[in-house]
Amino acid sequence: MIYVNVKENESLDRALKKFKKKFEKTGVVKELRVRKEFTKPCVRKREQNIRAAYKLKMQREEMGM
């Protein structure tokens, strides 16, 4: 459960903004989107490999290789 400490003179908008920020950090919405549709393990692995190759490429470019 998410708790937000609201100070005396703090507006409701500010408290709501804090709540939204904490809620995003938990990753609930992201997890729901992932679970919404089933992806085959081979497709998931292919996506991971593509992401890993991209990260490796970016790291090599930073190092000047």
PDB file of N, CA and C in Angstrom:
ATOM      1  N   MET A   1       0.839  -1.172   0.000  1.00  0.00           N
ATOM      2  CA  MET A   1       0.000   0.000   0.000  1.00  0.00           C
ATOM      3  C   MET A   1       0.889   1.241   0.000  1.00  0.00           C
ATOM      4  N   ILE A   2       0.448   2.250  -0.711  1.00  0.00           N
ATOM      5  CA  ILE A   2       1.230   3.477  -0.848  1.00  0.00           C
ATOM      6  C   ILE A   2       0.721   4.513   0.148  1.00  0.00           C
ATOM      7  N   TYR A   3       1.643   5.071   0.906  1.00  0.00           N
ATOM      8  CA  TYR A   3       1.316   6.136   1.844  1.00  0.00           C
ATOM      9  C   TYR A   3       1.984   7.418   1.391  1.00  0.00           C
ATOM     10  N   VAL A   4       1.245   8.528   1.506  1.00  0.00           N
ATOM     11  CA  VAL A   4       1.782   9.834   1.154  1.00  0.00           C
ATOM     12  C   VAL A   4       1.608  10.737   2.363  1.00  0.00           C
ATOM     13  N   ASN A   5       2.707  11.262   2.854  1.00  0.00           N
ATOM     14  CA  ASN A   5       2.643  12.192   3.974  1.00  0.00           C
ATOM     15  C   ASN A   5       2.291  13.580   3.458  1.00  0.00           C
ATOM     16  N   VAL A   6       1.168  14.111   3.935  1.00  0.00           N
ATOM     17  CA  VAL A   6       0.715  15.435   3.510  1.00  0.00           C
ATOM     18  C   VAL A   6       0.943  16.401   4.662  1.00  0.00           C
ATOM     19  N   LYS A   7       1.644  17.484   4.376  1.00  0.00           N
ATOM     20  CA  LYS A   7       1.901  18.497   5.391  1.00  0.00           C
ATOM     21  C   LYS A   7       0.686  19.402   5.543  1.00  0.00           C
ATOM     22  N   GLU A   8       0.662  20.192   6.601  1.00  0.00           N
ATOM     23  CA  GLU A   8      -0.510  21.020   6.909  1.00  0.00           C
ATOM     24  C   GLU A   8      -0.884  21.979   5.788  1.00  0.00           C
ATOM     25  N   ASN A   9       0.055  22.736   5.285  1.00  0.00           N
ATOM     26  CA  ASN A   9      -0.240  23.766   4.297  1.00  0.00           C
ATOM     27  C   ASN A   9      -0.082  23.273   2.857  1.00  0.00           C
ATOM     28  N   GLU A  10       0.008  21.987   2.685  1.00  0.00           N
ATOM     29  CA  GLU A  10       0.222  21.433   1.351  1.00  0.00           C
ATOM     30  C   GLU A  10      -1.119  21.257   0.628  1.00  0.00           C
ATOM     31  N   SER A  11      -1.137  21.613  -0.647  1.00  0.00           N
ATOM     32  CA  SER A  11      -2.379  21.521  -1.413  1.00  0.00           C
ATOM     33  C   SER A  11      -2.671  20.077  -1.803  1.00  0.00           C
ATOM     34  N   LEU A  12      -3.908  19.856  -2.176  1.00  0.00           N
ATOM     35  CA  LEU A  12      -4.327  18.531  -2.594  1.00  0.00           C
ATOM     36  C   LEU A  12      -3.652  18.137  -3.904  1.00  0.00           C
ATOM     37  N   ASP A  13      -3.451  19.105  -4.789  1.00  0.00           N
ATOM     38  CA  ASP A  13      -2.777  18.828  -6.060  1.00  0.00           C
ATOM     39  C   ASP A  13      -1.362  18.323  -5.837  1.00  0.00           C
ATOM     40  N   ARG A  14      -0.681  18.931  -4.893  1.00  0.00           N
ATOM     41  CA  ARG A  14       0.694  18.533  -4.580  1.00  0.00           C
ATOM     42  C   ARG A  14       0.724  17.101  -4.023  1.00  0.00           C
ATOM     43  N   ALA A  15      -0.227  16.798  -3.148  1.00  0.00           N
ATOM     44  CA  ALA A  15      -0.299  15.455  -2.568  1.00  0.00           C
ATOM     45  C   ALA A  15      -0.618  14.422  -3.645  1.00  0.00           C
ATOM     46  N   LEU A  16      -1.503  14.786  -4.557  1.00  0.00           N
ATOM     47  CA  LEU A  16      -1.851  13.881  -5.647  1.00  0.00           C
ATOM     48  C   LEU A  16      -0.653  13.636  -6.549  1.00  0.00           C
ATOM     49  N   LYS A  17       0.131  14.675  -6.780  1.00  0.00           N
ATOM     50  CA  LYS A  17       1.340  14.546  -7.599  1.00  0.00           C
ATOM     51  C   LYS A  17       2.335  13.589  -6.932  1.00  0.00           C
ATOM     52  N   LYS A  18       2.490  13.702  -5.621  1.00  0.00           N
ATOM     53  CA  LYS A  18       3.379  12.797  -4.880  1.00  0.00           C
ATOM     54  C   LYS A  18       2.899  11.350  -5.001  1.00  0.00           C
ATOM     55  N   PHE A  19       1.576  11.177  -4.872  1.00  0.00           N
ATOM     56  CA  PHE A  19       1.006   9.833  -4.972  1.00  0.00           C
ATOM     57  C   PHE A  19       1.267   9.231  -6.346  1.00  0.00           C
ATOM     58  N   LYS A  20       1.030  10.005  -7.390  1.00  0.00           N
ATOM     59  CA  LYS A  20       1.245   9.515  -8.752  1.00  0.00           C
ATOM     60  C   LYS A  20       2.699   9.121  -8.972  1.00  0.00           C
ATOM     61  N   LYS A  21       3.616   9.924  -8.435  1.00  0.00           N
ATOM     62  CA  LYS A  21       5.042   9.640  -8.589  1.00  0.00           C
ATOM     63  C   LYS A  21       5.408   8.319  -7.902  1.00  0.00           C
ATOM     64  N   LYS A  22       4.913   8.130  -6.686  1.00  0.00           N
ATOM     65  CA  LYS A  22       5.195   6.887  -5.969  1.00  0.00           C
ATOM     66  C   LYS A  22       4.564   5.688  -6.674  1.00  0.00           C
ATOM     67  N   PHE A  23       3.362   5.898  -7.207  1.00  0.00           N
ATOM     68  CA  PHE A  23       2.659   4.825  -7.908  1.00  0.00           C
ATOM     69  C   PHE A  23       3.421   4.406  -9.156  1.00  0.00           C
ATOM     70  N   GLU A  24       3.967   5.364  -9.892  1.00  0.00           N
ATOM     71  CA  GLU A  24       4.758   5.052 -11.083  1.00  0.00           C
ATOM     72  C   GLU A  24       6.011   4.270 -10.724  1.00  0.00           C
ATOM     73  N   LYS A  25       6.638   4.628  -9.610  1.00  0.00           N
ATOM     74  CA  LYS A  25       7.865   3.947  -9.194  1.00  0.00           C
ATOM     75  C   LYS A  25       7.624   2.479  -8.857  1.00  0.00           C
ATOM     76  N   THR A  26       6.417   2.149  -8.406  1.00  0.00           N
ATOM     77  CA  THR A  26       6.133   0.754  -8.072  1.00  0.00           C
ATOM     78  C   THR A  26       6.074  -0.122  -9.312  1.00  0.00           C
ATOM     79  N   GLY A  27       5.738   0.462 -10.470  1.00  0.00           N
ATOM     80  CA  GLY A  27       5.723  -0.288 -11.721  1.00  0.00           C
ATOM     81  C   GLY A  27       4.480  -1.127 -11.938  1.00  0.00           C
ATOM     82  N   VAL A  28       3.403  -0.817 -11.245  1.00  0.00           N
ATOM     83  CA  VAL A  28       2.172  -1.594 -11.355  1.00  0.00           C
ATOM     84  C   VAL A  28       1.576  -1.480 -12.752  1.00  0.00           C
ATOM     85  N   VAL A  29       1.491  -0.279 -13.277  1.00  0.00           N
ATOM     86  CA  VAL A  29       0.886  -0.065 -14.590  1.00  0.00           C
ATOM     87  C   VAL A  29       1.709  -0.750 -15.674  1.00  0.00           C
ATOM     88  N   LYS A  30       3.022  -0.646 -15.564  1.00  0.00           N
ATOM     89  CA  LYS A  30       3.901  -1.286 -16.545  1.00  0.00           C
ATOM     90  C   LYS A  30       3.703  -2.803 -16.530  1.00  0.00           C
ATOM     91  N   GLU A  31       3.614  -3.366 -15.342  1.00  0.00           N
ATOM     92  CA  GLU A  31       3.416  -4.807 -15.197  1.00  0.00           C
ATOM     93  C   GLU A  31       2.073  -5.239 -15.783  1.00  0.00           C
ATOM     94  N   LEU A  32       1.036  -4.441 -15.572  1.00  0.00           N
ATOM     95  CA  LEU A  32      -0.276  -4.767 -16.129  1.00  0.00           C
ATOM     96  C   LEU A  32      -0.249  -4.769 -17.649  1.00  0.00           C
ATOM     97  N   ARG A  33       0.445  -3.820 -18.235  1.00  0.00           N
ATOM     98  CA  ARG A  33       0.541  -3.762 -19.689  1.00  0.00           C
ATOM     99  C   ARG A  33       1.286  -4.980 -20.237  1.00  0.00           C
ATOM    100  N   VAL A  34       2.308  -5.414 -19.518  1.00  0.00           N
ATOM    101  CA  VAL A  34       3.072  -6.584 -19.955  1.00  0.00           C
ATOM    102  C   VAL A  34       2.212  -7.842 -19.855  1.00  0.00           C
ATOM    103  N   ARG A  35       1.445  -7.960 -18.793  1.00  0.00           N
ATOM    104  CA  ARG A  35       0.626  -9.158 -18.578  1.00  0.00           C
ATOM    105  C   ARG A  35      -0.661  -9.164 -19.399  1.00  0.00           C
ATOM    106  N   LYS A  36      -0.991  -8.034 -19.986  1.00  0.00           N
ATOM    107  CA  LYS A  36      -2.237  -7.929 -20.741  1.00  0.00           C
ATOM    108  C   LYS A  36      -2.275  -8.921 -21.897  1.00  0.00           C
ATOM    109  N   GLU A  37      -1.168  -9.068 -22.577  1.00  0.00           N
ATOM    110  CA  GLU A  37      -1.093  -9.984 -23.707  1.00  0.00           C
ATOM    111  C   GLU A  37       0.040 -10.979 -23.477  1.00  0.00           C
ATOM    112  N   PHE A  38      -0.203 -12.203 -23.851  1.00  0.00           N
ATOM    113  CA  PHE A  38       0.824 -13.229 -23.721  1.00  0.00           C
ATOM    114  C   PHE A  38       1.805 -13.119 -24.879  1.00  0.00           C
ATOM    115  N   THR A  39       3.082 -13.175 -24.551  1.00  0.00           N
ATOM    116  CA  THR A  39       4.104 -13.213 -25.600  1.00  0.00           C
ATOM    117  C   THR A  39       4.858 -14.531 -25.462  1.00  0.00           C
ATOM    118  N   LYS A  40       5.122 -15.139 -26.584  1.00  0.00           N
ATOM    119  CA  LYS A  40       5.834 -16.412 -26.576  1.00  0.00           C
ATOM    120  C   LYS A  40       7.235 -16.212 -26.017  1.00  0.00           C
ATOM    121  N   PRO A  41       7.777 -17.227 -25.361  1.00  0.00           N
ATOM    122  CA  PRO A  41       9.132 -17.117 -24.824  1.00  0.00           C
ATOM    123  C   PRO A  41      10.176 -16.800 -25.888  1.00  0.00           C
ATOM    124  N   CYS A  42      10.011 -17.351 -27.092  1.00  0.00           N
ATOM    125  CA  CYS A  42      11.001 -17.093 -28.139  1.00  0.00           C
ATOM    126  C   CYS A  42      10.954 -15.627 -28.574  1.00  0.00           C
ATOM    127  N   VAL A  43       9.761 -15.034 -28.597  1.00  0.00           N
ATOM    128  CA  VAL A  43       9.623 -13.622 -28.965  1.00  0.00           C
ATOM    129  C   VAL A  43      10.224 -12.748 -27.872  1.00  0.00           C
ATOM    130  N   ARG A  44       9.966 -13.114 -26.617  1.00  0.00           N
ATOM    131  CA  ARG A  44      10.501 -12.357 -25.488  1.00  0.00           C
ATOM    132  C   ARG A  44      12.034 -12.391 -25.498  1.00  0.00           C
ATOM    133  N   LYS A  45      12.597 -13.571 -25.786  1.00  0.00           N
ATOM    134  CA  LYS A  45      14.051 -13.718 -25.824  1.00  0.00           C
ATOM    135  C   LYS A  45      14.649 -12.916 -26.973  1.00  0.00           C
ATOM    136  N   ARG A  46      13.971 -12.908 -28.123  1.00  0.00           N
ATOM    137  CA  ARG A  46      14.439 -12.140 -29.275  1.00  0.00           C
ATOM    138  C   ARG A  46      14.472 -10.644 -28.942  1.00  0.00           C
ATOM    139  N   GLU A  47      13.419 -10.153 -28.256  1.00  0.00           N
ATOM    140  CA  GLU A  47      13.380  -8.746 -27.861  1.00  0.00           C
ATOM    141  C   GLU A  47      14.505  -8.416 -26.884  1.00  0.00           C
ATOM    142  N   GLN A  48      14.779  -9.336 -25.955  1.00  0.00           N
ATOM    143  CA  GLN A  48      15.874  -9.124 -25.008  1.00  0.00           C
ATOM    144  C   GLN A  48      17.206  -9.051 -25.738  1.00  0.00           C
ATOM    145  N   ASN A  49      17.407  -9.922 -26.718  1.00  0.00           N
ATOM    146  CA  ASN A  49      18.654  -9.912 -27.482  1.00  0.00           C
ATOM    147  C   ASN A  49      18.813  -8.616 -28.265  1.00  0.00           C
ATOM    148  N   ILE A  50      17.723  -8.129 -28.837  1.00  0.00           N
ATOM    149  CA  ILE A  50      17.778  -6.869 -29.583  1.00  0.00           C
ATOM    150  C   ILE A  50      18.137  -5.718 -28.651  1.00  0.00           C
ATOM    151  N   ARG A  51      17.491  -5.683 -27.468  1.00  0.00           N
ATOM    152  CA  ARG A  51      17.802  -4.621 -26.497  1.00  0.00           C
ATOM    153  C   ARG A  51      19.250  -4.701 -26.027  1.00  0.00           C
ATOM    154  N   ALA A  52      19.744  -5.912 -25.779  1.00  0.00           N
ATOM    155  CA  ALA A  52      21.121  -6.092 -25.325  1.00  0.00           C
ATOM    156  C   ALA A  52      22.106  -5.646 -26.395  1.00  0.00           C
ATOM    157  N   ALA A  53      21.821  -5.961 -27.652  1.00  0.00           N
ATOM    158  CA  ALA A  53      22.699  -5.547 -28.749  1.00  0.00           C
ATOM    159  C   ALA A  53      22.722  -4.028 -28.872  1.00  0.00           C
ATOM    160  N   TYR A  54      21.571  -3.402 -28.697  1.00  0.00           N
ATOM    161  CA  TYR A  54      21.490  -1.941 -28.773  1.00  0.00           C
ATOM    162  C   TYR A  54      22.306  -1.293 -27.652  1.00  0.00           C
ATOM    163  N   LYS A  55      22.162  -1.820 -26.433  1.00  0.00           N
ATOM    164  CA  LYS A  55      22.922  -1.280 -25.300  1.00  0.00           C
ATOM    165  C   LYS A  55      24.420  -1.442 -25.519  1.00  0.00           C
ATOM    166  N   LEU A  56      24.822  -2.600 -26.020  1.00  0.00           N
ATOM    167  CA  LEU A  56      26.231  -2.857 -26.291  1.00  0.00           C
ATOM    168  C   LEU A  56      26.762  -1.887 -27.344  1.00  0.00           C
ATOM    169  N   LYS A  57      25.960  -1.652 -28.369  1.00  0.00           N
ATOM    170  CA  LYS A  57      26.346  -0.715 -29.429  1.00  0.00           C
ATOM    171  C   LYS A  57      26.534   0.689 -28.860  1.00  0.00           C
ATOM    172  N   MET A  58      25.628   1.119 -27.993  1.00  0.00           N
ATOM    173  CA  MET A  58      25.723   2.451 -27.392  1.00  0.00           C
ATOM    174  C   MET A  58      26.966   2.561 -26.504  1.00  0.00           C
ATOM    175  N   GLN A  59      27.260   1.508 -25.748  1.00  0.00           N
ATOM    176  CA  GLN A  59      28.434   1.523 -24.883  1.00  0.00           C
ATOM    177  C   GLN A  59      29.710   1.601 -25.712  1.00  0.00           C
ATOM    178  N   ARG A  60      29.752   0.879 -26.801  1.00  0.00           N
ATOM    179  CA  ARG A  60      30.935   0.906 -27.664  1.00  0.00           C
ATOM    180  C   ARG A  60      31.115   2.272 -28.312  1.00  0.00           C
ATOM    181  N   GLU A  61      30.016   2.905 -28.693  1.00  0.00           N
ATOM    182  CA  GLU A  61      30.105   4.240 -29.289  1.00  0.00           C
ATOM    183  C   GLU A  61      30.620   5.260 -28.277  1.00  0.00           C
ATOM    184  N   GLU A  62      30.220   5.115 -27.016  1.00  0.00           N
ATOM    185  CA  GLU A  62      30.696   6.018 -25.969  1.00  0.00           C
ATOM    186  C   GLU A  62      32.195   5.860 -25.760  1.00  0.00           C
ATOM    187  N   MET A  63      32.675   4.635 -25.858  1.00  0.00           N
ATOM    188  CA  MET A  63      34.090   4.374 -25.631  1.00  0.00           C
ATOM    189  C   MET A  63      34.925   4.726 -26.856  1.00  0.00           C
ATOM    190  N   GLY A  64      34.295   4.947 -27.984  1.00  0.00           N
ATOM    191  CA  GLY A  64      35.012   5.325 -29.189  1.00  0.00           C
ATOM    192  C   GLY A  64      35.516   4.154 -29.995  1.00  0.00           C
ATOM    193  N   MET A  65      34.884   3.031 -29.876  1.00  0.00           N
ATOM    194  CA  MET A  65      35.319   1.845 -30.621  1.00  0.00           C
ATOM    195  C   MET A  65      34.618   1.767 -31.937  1.00  0.00           C
TER     196      MET A  65
END
